[in-house]
Amino acid sequence: MTEKPEESIEARLKRLGEDIASRRTDTSDKAELRSAESRKGYAEAMKLSGEFIAGIVVGAFLGYLLDHFAGTGPWGMIVLLLLGFCAGILNVLRSAGLVAKPDQSGRGPESETKDGDGA
């Protein structure tokens, strides 16, 4: 009689071990997906911040060069730094898909007519 409860305990223990193992694989799959999404978001953030900083740095550098060679004092740096800031924001908005990219065909919206035949 004493062996019967031990067998049931062993069987339950084995079942519990299998259940834990199956849940661990489910949990690890979910954690792996969350980790991949997190890395993707981090990469996107780094790309957007790089584009923003690049706009500011290029504006500041061009402003410095303008001030140095034209002797315009701090005004070239101030103006081109602000333009670089605006260009950086525009690049970030374009990369995020919030602003449409400029038309690559060279045709503006004024060259199209209502019926779309171009005449």
C-alpha atoms as a PDB file:
ATOM      1  CA  MET A   1       0.000   0.000   0.000  1.00  0.00           C
ATOM      2  CA  THR A   2       2.829   2.386   0.688  1.00  0.00           C
ATOM      3  CA  GLU A   3       4.243   1.944  -2.838  1.00  0.00           C
ATOM      4  CA  LYS A   4       1.014   3.000  -4.536  1.00  0.00           C
ATOM      5  CA  PRO A   5       1.055   6.614  -3.224  1.00  0.00           C
ATOM      6  CA  GLU A   6       4.762   6.926  -4.097  1.00  0.00           C
ATOM      7  CA  GLU A   7       4.055   5.914  -7.683  1.00  0.00           C
ATOM      8  CA  SER A   8       1.316   8.452  -7.965  1.00  0.00           C
ATOM      9  CA  ILE A   9       3.611  11.106  -6.519  1.00  0.00           C
ATOM     10  CA  GLU A  10       6.323  10.157  -9.015  1.00  0.00           C
ATOM     11  CA  ALA A  11       3.820  10.228 -11.862  1.00  0.00           C
ATOM     12  CA  ARG A  12       2.516  13.611 -10.738  1.00  0.00           C
ATOM     13  CA  LEU A  13       6.058  14.896 -10.352  1.00  0.00           C
ATOM     14  CA  LYS A  14       6.911  13.743 -13.866  1.00  0.00           C
ATOM     15  CA  ARG A  15       3.749  15.381 -15.244  1.00  0.00           C
ATOM     16  CA  LEU A  16       4.564  18.577 -13.368  1.00  0.00           C
ATOM     17  CA  GLY A  17       8.110  18.585 -14.807  1.00  0.00           C
ATOM     18  CA  GLU A  18       6.760  18.186 -18.342  1.00  0.00           C
ATOM     19  CA  ASP A  19       4.222  20.952 -17.755  1.00  0.00           C
ATOM     20  CA  ILE A  20       6.910  23.297 -16.449  1.00  0.00           C
ATOM     21  CA  ALA A  21       9.178  22.507 -19.399  1.00  0.00           C
ATOM     22  CA  SER A  22       6.404  23.231 -21.910  1.00  0.00           C
ATOM     23  CA  ARG A  23       5.537  26.513 -20.207  1.00  0.00           C
ATOM     24  CA  ARG A  24       9.178  27.563 -20.169  1.00  0.00           C
ATOM     25  CA  THR A  25       9.414  27.178 -23.949  1.00  0.00           C
ATOM     26  CA  ASP A  26       6.214  29.205 -24.391  1.00  0.00           C
ATOM     27  CA  THR A  27       7.531  31.916 -22.104  1.00  0.00           C
ATOM     28  CA  SER A  28      10.939  31.983 -23.773  1.00  0.00           C
ATOM     29  CA  ASP A  29       9.303  32.341 -27.207  1.00  0.00           C
ATOM     30  CA  LYS A  30       7.247  35.300 -25.989  1.00  0.00           C
ATOM     31  CA  ALA A  31      10.285  36.876 -24.331  1.00  0.00           C
ATOM     32  CA  GLU A  32      12.281  36.441 -27.534  1.00  0.00           C
ATOM     33  CA  LEU A  33       9.579  38.212 -29.549  1.00  0.00           C
ATOM     34  CA  ARG A  34       9.449  41.068 -27.038  1.00  0.00           C
ATOM     35  CA  SER A  35      13.233  41.335 -27.146  1.00  0.00           C
ATOM     36  CA  ALA A  36      13.228  41.494 -30.960  1.00  0.00           C
ATOM     37  CA  GLU A  37      10.574  44.235 -30.905  1.00  0.00           C
ATOM     38  CA  SER A  38      12.581  46.140 -28.317  1.00  0.00           C
ATOM     39  CA  ARG A  39      15.747  45.949 -30.437  1.00  0.00           C
ATOM     40  CA  LYS A  40      13.835  47.101 -33.498  1.00  0.00           C
ATOM     41  CA  GLY A  41      12.472  50.096 -31.613  1.00  0.00           C
ATOM     42  CA  TYR A  42      15.925  50.934 -30.270  1.00  0.00           C
ATOM     43  CA  ALA A  43      17.421  50.785 -33.762  1.00  0.00           C
ATOM     44  CA  GLU A  44      14.695  53.084 -35.091  1.00  0.00           C
ATOM     45  CA  ALA A  45      15.295  55.553 -32.250  1.00  0.00           C
ATOM     46  CA  MET A  46      19.035  55.582 -32.916  1.00  0.00           C
ATOM     47  CA  LYS A  47      18.439  56.191 -36.625  1.00  0.00           C
ATOM     48  CA  LEU A  48      16.059  59.073 -35.977  1.00  0.00           C
ATOM     49  CA  SER A  49      18.301  60.693 -33.377  1.00  0.00           C
ATOM     50  CA  GLY A  50      21.283  60.376 -35.720  1.00  0.00           C
ATOM     51  CA  GLU A  51      19.419  62.136 -38.507  1.00  0.00           C
ATOM     52  CA  PHE A  52      18.363  64.913 -36.156  1.00  0.00           C
ATOM     53  CA  ILE A  53      21.866  65.460 -34.779  1.00  0.00           C
ATOM     54  CA  ALA A  54      23.385  65.344 -38.271  1.00  0.00           C
ATOM     55  CA  GLY A  55      21.148  68.210 -39.421  1.00  0.00           C
ATOM     56  CA  ILE A  56      22.186  70.344 -36.471  1.00  0.00           C
ATOM     57  CA  VAL A  57      25.908  69.567 -36.857  1.00  0.00           C
ATOM     58  CA  VAL A  58      25.919  70.297 -40.597  1.00  0.00           C
ATOM     59  CA  GLY A  59      24.082  73.599 -40.033  1.00  0.00           C
ATOM     60  CA  ALA A  60      26.509  74.629 -37.299  1.00  0.00           C
ATOM     61  CA  PHE A  61      29.542  73.691 -39.411  1.00  0.00           C
ATOM     62  CA  LEU A  62      28.312  75.614 -42.455  1.00  0.00           C
ATOM     63  CA  GLY A  63      27.491  78.596 -40.237  1.00  0.00           C
ATOM     64  CA  TYR A  64      30.983  78.522 -38.771  1.00  0.00           C
ATOM     65  CA  LEU A  65      32.520  78.403 -42.241  1.00  0.00           C
ATOM     66  CA  LEU A  66      30.352  81.287 -43.400  1.00  0.00           C
ATOM     67  CA  ASP A  67      31.330  83.359 -40.364  1.00  0.00           C
ATOM     68  CA  HIS A  68      34.995  82.517 -40.757  1.00  0.00           C
ATOM     69  CA  PHE A  69      35.332  83.362 -44.456  1.00  0.00           C
ATOM     70  CA  ALA A  70      32.722  86.117 -44.800  1.00  0.00           C
ATOM     71  CA  GLY A  71      33.364  87.748 -41.407  1.00  0.00           C
ATOM     72  CA  THR A  72      29.680  87.961 -40.569  1.00  0.00           C
ATOM     73  CA  GLY A  73      30.154  87.460 -36.843  1.00  0.00           C
ATOM     74  CA  PRO A  74      27.841  85.063 -35.060  1.00  0.00           C
ATOM     75  CA  TRP A  75      24.936  85.645 -37.422  1.00  0.00           C
ATOM     76  CA  GLY A  76      25.835  83.032 -40.008  1.00  0.00           C
ATOM     77  CA  MET A  77      26.233  80.434 -37.260  1.00  0.00           C
ATOM     78  CA  ILE A  78      22.921  81.401 -35.646  1.00  0.00           C
ATOM     79  CA  VAL A  79      20.919  81.385 -38.867  1.00  0.00           C
ATOM     80  CA  LEU A  80      22.394  78.193 -40.292  1.00  0.00           C
ATOM     81  CA  LEU A  81      22.178  76.432 -36.914  1.00  0.00           C
ATOM     82  CA  LEU A  82      18.449  77.191 -36.828  1.00  0.00           C
ATOM     83  CA  LEU A  83      18.102  76.008 -40.440  1.00  0.00           C
ATOM     84  CA  GLY A  84      19.974  72.818 -39.536  1.00  0.00           C
ATOM     85  CA  PHE A  85      17.617  72.306 -36.601  1.00  0.00           C
ATOM     86  CA  CYS A  86      14.601  72.671 -38.903  1.00  0.00           C
ATOM     87  CA  ALA A  87      16.174  70.340 -41.473  1.00  0.00           C
ATOM     88  CA  GLY A  88      16.833  67.765 -38.735  1.00  0.00           C
ATOM     89  CA  ILE A  89      13.203  67.872 -37.601  1.00  0.00           C
ATOM     90  CA  LEU A  90      12.010  67.539 -41.199  1.00  0.00           C
ATOM     91  CA  ASN A  91      14.296  64.524 -41.761  1.00  0.00           C
ATOM     92  CA  VAL A  92      12.995  62.847 -38.612  1.00  0.00           C
ATOM     93  CA  LEU A  93       9.381  63.436 -39.638  1.00  0.00           C
ATOM     94  CA  ARG A  94      10.080  62.054 -43.117  1.00  0.00           C
ATOM     95  CA  SER A  95      11.799  58.961 -41.731  1.00  0.00           C
ATOM     96  CA  ALA A  96       8.953  58.356 -39.311  1.00  0.00           C
ATOM     97  CA  GLY A  97       6.481  58.585 -42.211  1.00  0.00           C
ATOM     98  CA  LEU A  98       4.619  61.584 -40.837  1.00  0.00           C
ATOM     99  CA  VAL A  99       5.531  63.853 -43.765  1.00  0.00           C
ATOM    100  CA  ALA A 100       5.504  62.836 -47.411  1.00  0.00           C
ATOM    101  CA  LYS A 101       8.829  62.692 -49.218  1.00  0.00           C
ATOM    102  CA  PRO A 102       9.361  65.270 -51.980  1.00  0.00           C
ATOM    103  CA  ASP A 103       8.174  64.383 -55.479  1.00  0.00           C
ATOM    104  CA  GLN A 104      11.018  62.640 -57.351  1.00  0.00           C
ATOM    105  CA  SER A 105       9.545  63.054 -60.853  1.00  0.00           C
ATOM    106  CA  GLY A 106      10.302  66.770 -61.043  1.00  0.00           C
ATOM    107  CA  ARG A 107       6.665  67.578 -61.667  1.00  0.00           C
ATOM    108  CA  GLY A 108       4.881  69.651 -59.111  1.00  0.00           C
ATOM    109  CA  PRO A 109       1.175  69.512 -58.284  1.00  0.00           C
ATOM    110  CA  GLU A 110       0.548  72.637 -60.387  1.00  0.00           C
ATOM    111  CA  SER A 111       1.400  70.761 -63.614  1.00  0.00           C
ATOM    112  CA  GLU A 112      -1.490  68.319 -63.203  1.00  0.00           C
ATOM    113  CA  THR A 113      -5.072  69.054 -64.162  1.00  0.00           C
ATOM    114  CA  LYS A 114      -8.286  67.869 -62.584  1.00  0.00           C
ATOM    115  CA  ASP A 115      -8.927  65.093 -65.090  1.00  0.00           C
ATOM    116  CA  GLY A 116      -5.305  63.898 -64.906  1.00  0.00           C
ATOM    117  CA  ASP A 117      -4.585  63.940 -68.673  1.00  0.00           C
ATOM    118  CA  GLY A 118      -1.992  66.714 -68.412  1.00  0.00           C
ATOM    119  CA  ALA A 119      -3.626  68.878 -71.093  1.00  0.00           C
END
